[in-house]
Protein backbone atom coordinates (compact mmCIF):
# COMPACT_ATOMS: atom_id res chain seq x y z
CA MET A 1 -9.68 -1.28 -0.23
CA HIS A 2 -13.47 -2.42 0.93
CA LEU A 3 -13.17 -4.15 4.45
CA LYS A 4 -15.43 -7.37 5.64
CA PRO A 5 -15.29 -6.19 9.11
CA THR A 6 -15.23 -9.12 11.79
CA ALA A 7 -18.33 -10.50 13.07
CA ASP A 8 -17.91 -7.66 15.92
CA ASN A 9 -15.29 -5.64 14.43
CA THR A 10 -12.71 -6.74 17.34
CA ILE A 11 -8.98 -6.34 17.19
CA VAL A 12 -6.98 -9.77 17.35
CA LEU A 13 -4.50 -8.85 19.78
CA LYS A 14 -1.01 -10.41 18.45
CA SER A 15 1.46 -12.66 20.50
CA PRO A 16 4.98 -11.03 20.55
CA ARG A 17 5.87 -14.50 18.25
CA GLU A 18 3.17 -13.35 15.68
CA ILE A 19 4.58 -9.48 15.88
CA ALA A 20 8.06 -11.13 14.92
CA LEU A 21 6.35 -13.18 12.13
CA MET A 22 4.28 -10.32 11.17
CA ARG A 23 7.69 -8.28 11.13
CA ASP A 24 8.98 -10.63 8.43
CA ALA A 25 6.13 -10.63 6.08
CA GLY A 26 6.52 -6.53 6.16
CA LYS A 27 9.98 -6.82 5.62
CA LEU A 28 9.22 -8.87 2.74
CA VAL A 29 6.51 -6.54 1.21
CA ALA A 30 8.84 -3.33 1.29
CA SER A 31 12.00 -5.34 -0.21
CA VAL A 32 9.38 -6.11 -2.96
CA THR A 33 8.39 -2.33 -3.78
CA ARG A 34 11.88 -1.42 -3.45
CA ALA A 35 13.00 -4.16 -6.24
CA LEU A 36 10.02 -3.12 -8.10
CA GLU A 37 10.84 0.94 -8.12
CA GLN A 38 14.51 0.04 -8.92
CA GLN A 39 14.14 -2.42 -11.98
CA ALA A 40 10.87 0.04 -13.78
CA GLN A 41 11.91 0.86 -16.25
CA ALA A 42 10.67 2.34 -19.74
CA GLY A 43 9.56 -0.54 -22.05
CA MET A 44 8.78 -3.11 -19.20
CA THR A 45 4.98 -3.57 -18.76
CA THR A 46 3.19 -3.78 -15.26
CA ARG A 47 2.92 -7.60 -16.32
CA ASP A 48 6.68 -7.54 -15.92
CA LEU A 49 6.71 -5.69 -12.62
CA ASP A 50 3.91 -8.53 -11.22
CA GLU A 51 6.39 -11.11 -12.29
CA ILE A 52 9.05 -9.51 -10.43
CA ALA A 53 6.94 -9.57 -7.71
CA ALA A 54 5.89 -13.07 -7.77
CA GLU A 55 9.56 -14.61 -8.53
CA MET A 56 10.62 -12.65 -5.41
CA PHE A 57 7.46 -14.69 -2.95
CA ARG A 58 8.58 -17.67 -4.46
CA ALA A 59 11.98 -17.82 -3.65
CA VAL A 60 11.00 -17.14 0.34
CA GLY A 61 8.00 -19.24 0.29
CA ALA A 62 5.54 -16.91 0.73
CA GLU A 63 2.41 -16.31 -1.26
CA SER A 64 0.45 -13.33 -2.74
CA THR A 65 -2.84 -12.86 -0.88
CA ALA A 66 -3.61 -10.94 -3.59
CA LEU A 67 -4.03 -13.60 -6.30
CA GLY A 68 -7.41 -15.16 -6.33
CA TYR A 69 -8.68 -12.68 -3.86
CA PHE A 70 -12.18 -11.98 -5.35
CA GLY A 71 -10.71 -13.47 -8.19
CA TYR A 72 -8.38 -11.17 -8.74
CA PRO A 73 -5.70 -12.21 -11.49
CA GLY A 74 -2.55 -10.37 -10.29
CA HIS A 75 -0.01 -10.85 -7.71
CA ILE A 76 0.54 -7.41 -7.36
CA CYS A 77 -1.75 -4.59 -7.93
CA VAL A 78 -0.33 -2.09 -10.38
CA SER A 79 -1.91 1.58 -10.99
CA VAL A 80 -0.18 3.85 -13.37
CA ASN A 81 -0.80 7.64 -13.68
CA ASP A 82 -4.90 8.79 -12.56
CA GLU A 83 -5.48 5.01 -11.86
CA VAL A 84 -5.81 4.85 -8.11
CA VAL A 85 -5.06 2.12 -7.10
CA HIS A 86 -6.22 -1.99 -7.48
CA GLY A 87 -4.98 -1.56 -10.61
CA ILE A 88 -4.35 -5.30 -12.32
CA PRO A 89 -0.82 -6.13 -14.02
CA GLY A 90 -1.04 -6.36 -17.82
CA PRO A 91 0.48 -5.53 -21.02
CA ARG A 92 0.38 -1.74 -20.60
CA LYS A 93 3.78 -0.69 -20.91
CA LEU A 94 4.84 2.15 -19.01
CA LYS A 95 6.78 5.02 -20.42
CA ARG A 96 9.36 7.71 -18.49
CA GLY A 97 7.64 10.08 -16.07
CA ASP A 98 4.53 7.34 -15.51
CA LEU A 99 3.91 7.68 -11.81
CA VAL A 100 3.34 3.62 -10.68
CA LYS A 101 1.34 2.65 -7.50
CA VAL A 102 2.12 -0.82 -6.23
CA ASP A 103 0.22 -2.47 -3.96
CA VAL A 104 1.99 -5.24 -2.43
CA ALA A 105 0.76 -8.25 -0.02
CA ALA A 106 1.66 -11.00 0.73
CA ARG A 107 1.37 -14.07 3.66
CA LEU A 108 4.85 -15.93 4.74
CA ASN A 109 5.12 -18.46 7.46
CA GLY A 110 1.46 -17.55 8.05
CA TYR A 111 1.00 -14.02 8.40
CA CYS A 112 0.76 -11.26 6.06
CA GLY A 113 2.27 -7.75 5.11
CA ASP A 114 0.34 -5.42 2.75
CA THR A 115 1.78 -2.25 1.84
CA THR A 116 1.74 0.38 -1.08
CA SER A 117 4.11 3.01 -2.47
CA CYS A 118 4.02 5.05 -5.37
CA PHE A 119 7.44 6.11 -7.55
CA ALA A 120 8.16 7.41 -11.08
CA VAL A 121 9.52 5.66 -13.49
CA GLY A 122 12.96 7.16 -14.12
CA GLY A 123 13.51 9.22 -11.02
CA LEU A 124 10.86 11.56 -9.21
CA ASP A 125 12.81 14.49 -11.19
CA THR A 126 10.92 13.02 -14.60
CA LEU A 127 7.17 14.02 -13.60
CA SER A 128 5.27 16.89 -13.95
CA THR A 129 5.09 19.49 -11.07
CA ARG A 130 1.72 18.96 -10.10
CA ALA A 131 2.39 15.12 -9.67
CA ARG A 132 5.47 15.50 -7.94
CA GLN A 133 4.12 17.65 -5.54
CA LEU A 134 1.55 15.13 -5.24
CA VAL A 135 3.85 12.15 -3.90
CA GLU A 136 5.38 15.41 -1.86
CA VAL A 137 2.16 15.90 -0.46
CA THR A 138 1.06 12.28 0.37
CA ARG A 139 4.19 11.74 2.09
CA ASP A 140 4.18 13.97 4.33
CA ALA A 141 0.51 13.03 4.90
CA LEU A 142 1.64 9.70 6.12
CA PHE A 143 4.12 10.96 8.31
CA CYS A 144 1.46 13.07 9.89
CA GLY A 145 -0.73 9.96 9.99
CA ILE A 146 2.47 8.05 11.68
CA ALA A 147 2.72 10.93 14.68
CA GLU A 148 -0.65 10.65 15.47
CA ALA A 149 -0.78 6.77 16.36
CA ALA A 150 0.60 7.31 20.09
CA PRO A 151 -0.94 5.90 23.60
CA GLY A 152 -3.94 8.32 24.07
CA ASN A 153 -5.11 9.15 20.44
CA ARG A 154 -7.99 7.51 18.93
CA LEU A 155 -8.20 6.52 15.33
CA SER A 156 -9.69 9.30 13.92
CA ASP A 157 -6.95 11.27 15.41
CA ILE A 158 -4.61 9.55 12.67
CA GLY A 159 -7.42 10.31 9.89
CA ALA A 160 -7.73 14.00 10.60
CA ALA A 161 -4.12 14.56 11.09
CA ILE A 162 -3.70 13.05 7.00
CA GLU A 163 -7.11 15.28 5.83
CA ALA A 164 -5.97 18.40 7.50
CA HIS A 165 -1.89 18.70 5.69
CA VAL A 166 -4.04 17.19 2.18
CA ASN A 167 -6.44 20.12 2.32
CA LYS A 168 -3.97 22.44 3.43
CA HIS A 169 -2.50 21.77 -0.41
CA GLY A 170 -5.45 22.04 -2.30
CA MET A 171 -5.66 17.96 -2.43
CA SER A 172 -7.76 15.61 -1.04
CA VAL A 173 -8.15 12.08 0.19
CA VAL A 174 -9.75 9.33 -1.76
CA ARG A 175 -12.51 8.79 0.66
CA ASP A 176 -13.33 5.01 -0.79
CA PHE A 177 -10.60 2.99 0.36
CA VAL A 178 -8.88 2.84 4.28
CA GLY A 179 -5.68 1.66 5.63
CA HIS A 180 -6.41 -1.70 8.14
CA GLY A 181 -4.49 -4.23 10.51
CA VAL A 182 -3.02 -7.32 8.98
CA GLY A 183 -2.23 -10.83 11.07
CA ARG A 184 -3.86 -14.14 9.34
CA ASN A 185 -5.54 -12.44 6.85
CA MET A 186 -4.58 -9.23 4.74
CA HIS A 187 -7.36 -7.71 5.79
CA GLU A 188 -8.26 -7.05 10.11
CA ALA A 189 -9.64 -4.54 11.75
CA PRO A 190 -9.10 -2.00 12.74
CA GLN A 191 -10.18 0.25 9.32
CA VAL A 192 -7.79 3.41 9.60
CA HIS A 193 -9.75 6.18 7.77
CA HIS A 194 -7.75 8.35 5.48
CA HIS A 195 -10.23 11.58 7.12
CA GLY A 196 -12.51 12.38 9.57
CA PRO A 197 -12.83 14.73 12.77
CA PRO A 198 -9.97 14.27 15.44
CA GLY A 199 -11.12 12.15 18.80
């Protein structure tokens, strides 16, 4: 996601209460991604996935932060196979063995949660060898980055760990997008790159 930094790119510190509200929003978007993976099947459209997410948001009084964002028409982003990210839900029908990426972001009680996840229609065993390797390397790279999110380290250590793991497996990161903070807004500082030198 290309982000507009705050005027001074400052991280807005959160109170324990705000962190608890952000955690609630995070739990919501995580539950939506799990539901989408469980319910996705061949013959459904990407719009069907969007409608499942929209209903889950409505059921708890949450709102999609994607809907209307720079005119975006969906409640979530759904990308299939070679589409990297931010695919628009529509009439495309899912097939067994499709690699689906969902970007789910919502505001609950004034605070945002935002997550991206991927899954295979019909389970990981339906993927090609290369697609399954992509999923495994991506998952492991996430954990490499999380391991670097520790006191005394820098944000650049996270990106360096991710890139090193991915490169070791003959793959590369998409440099045009970043991870980011959340809070009252879907996109807040800091930006977390998935590449670069440590330190």
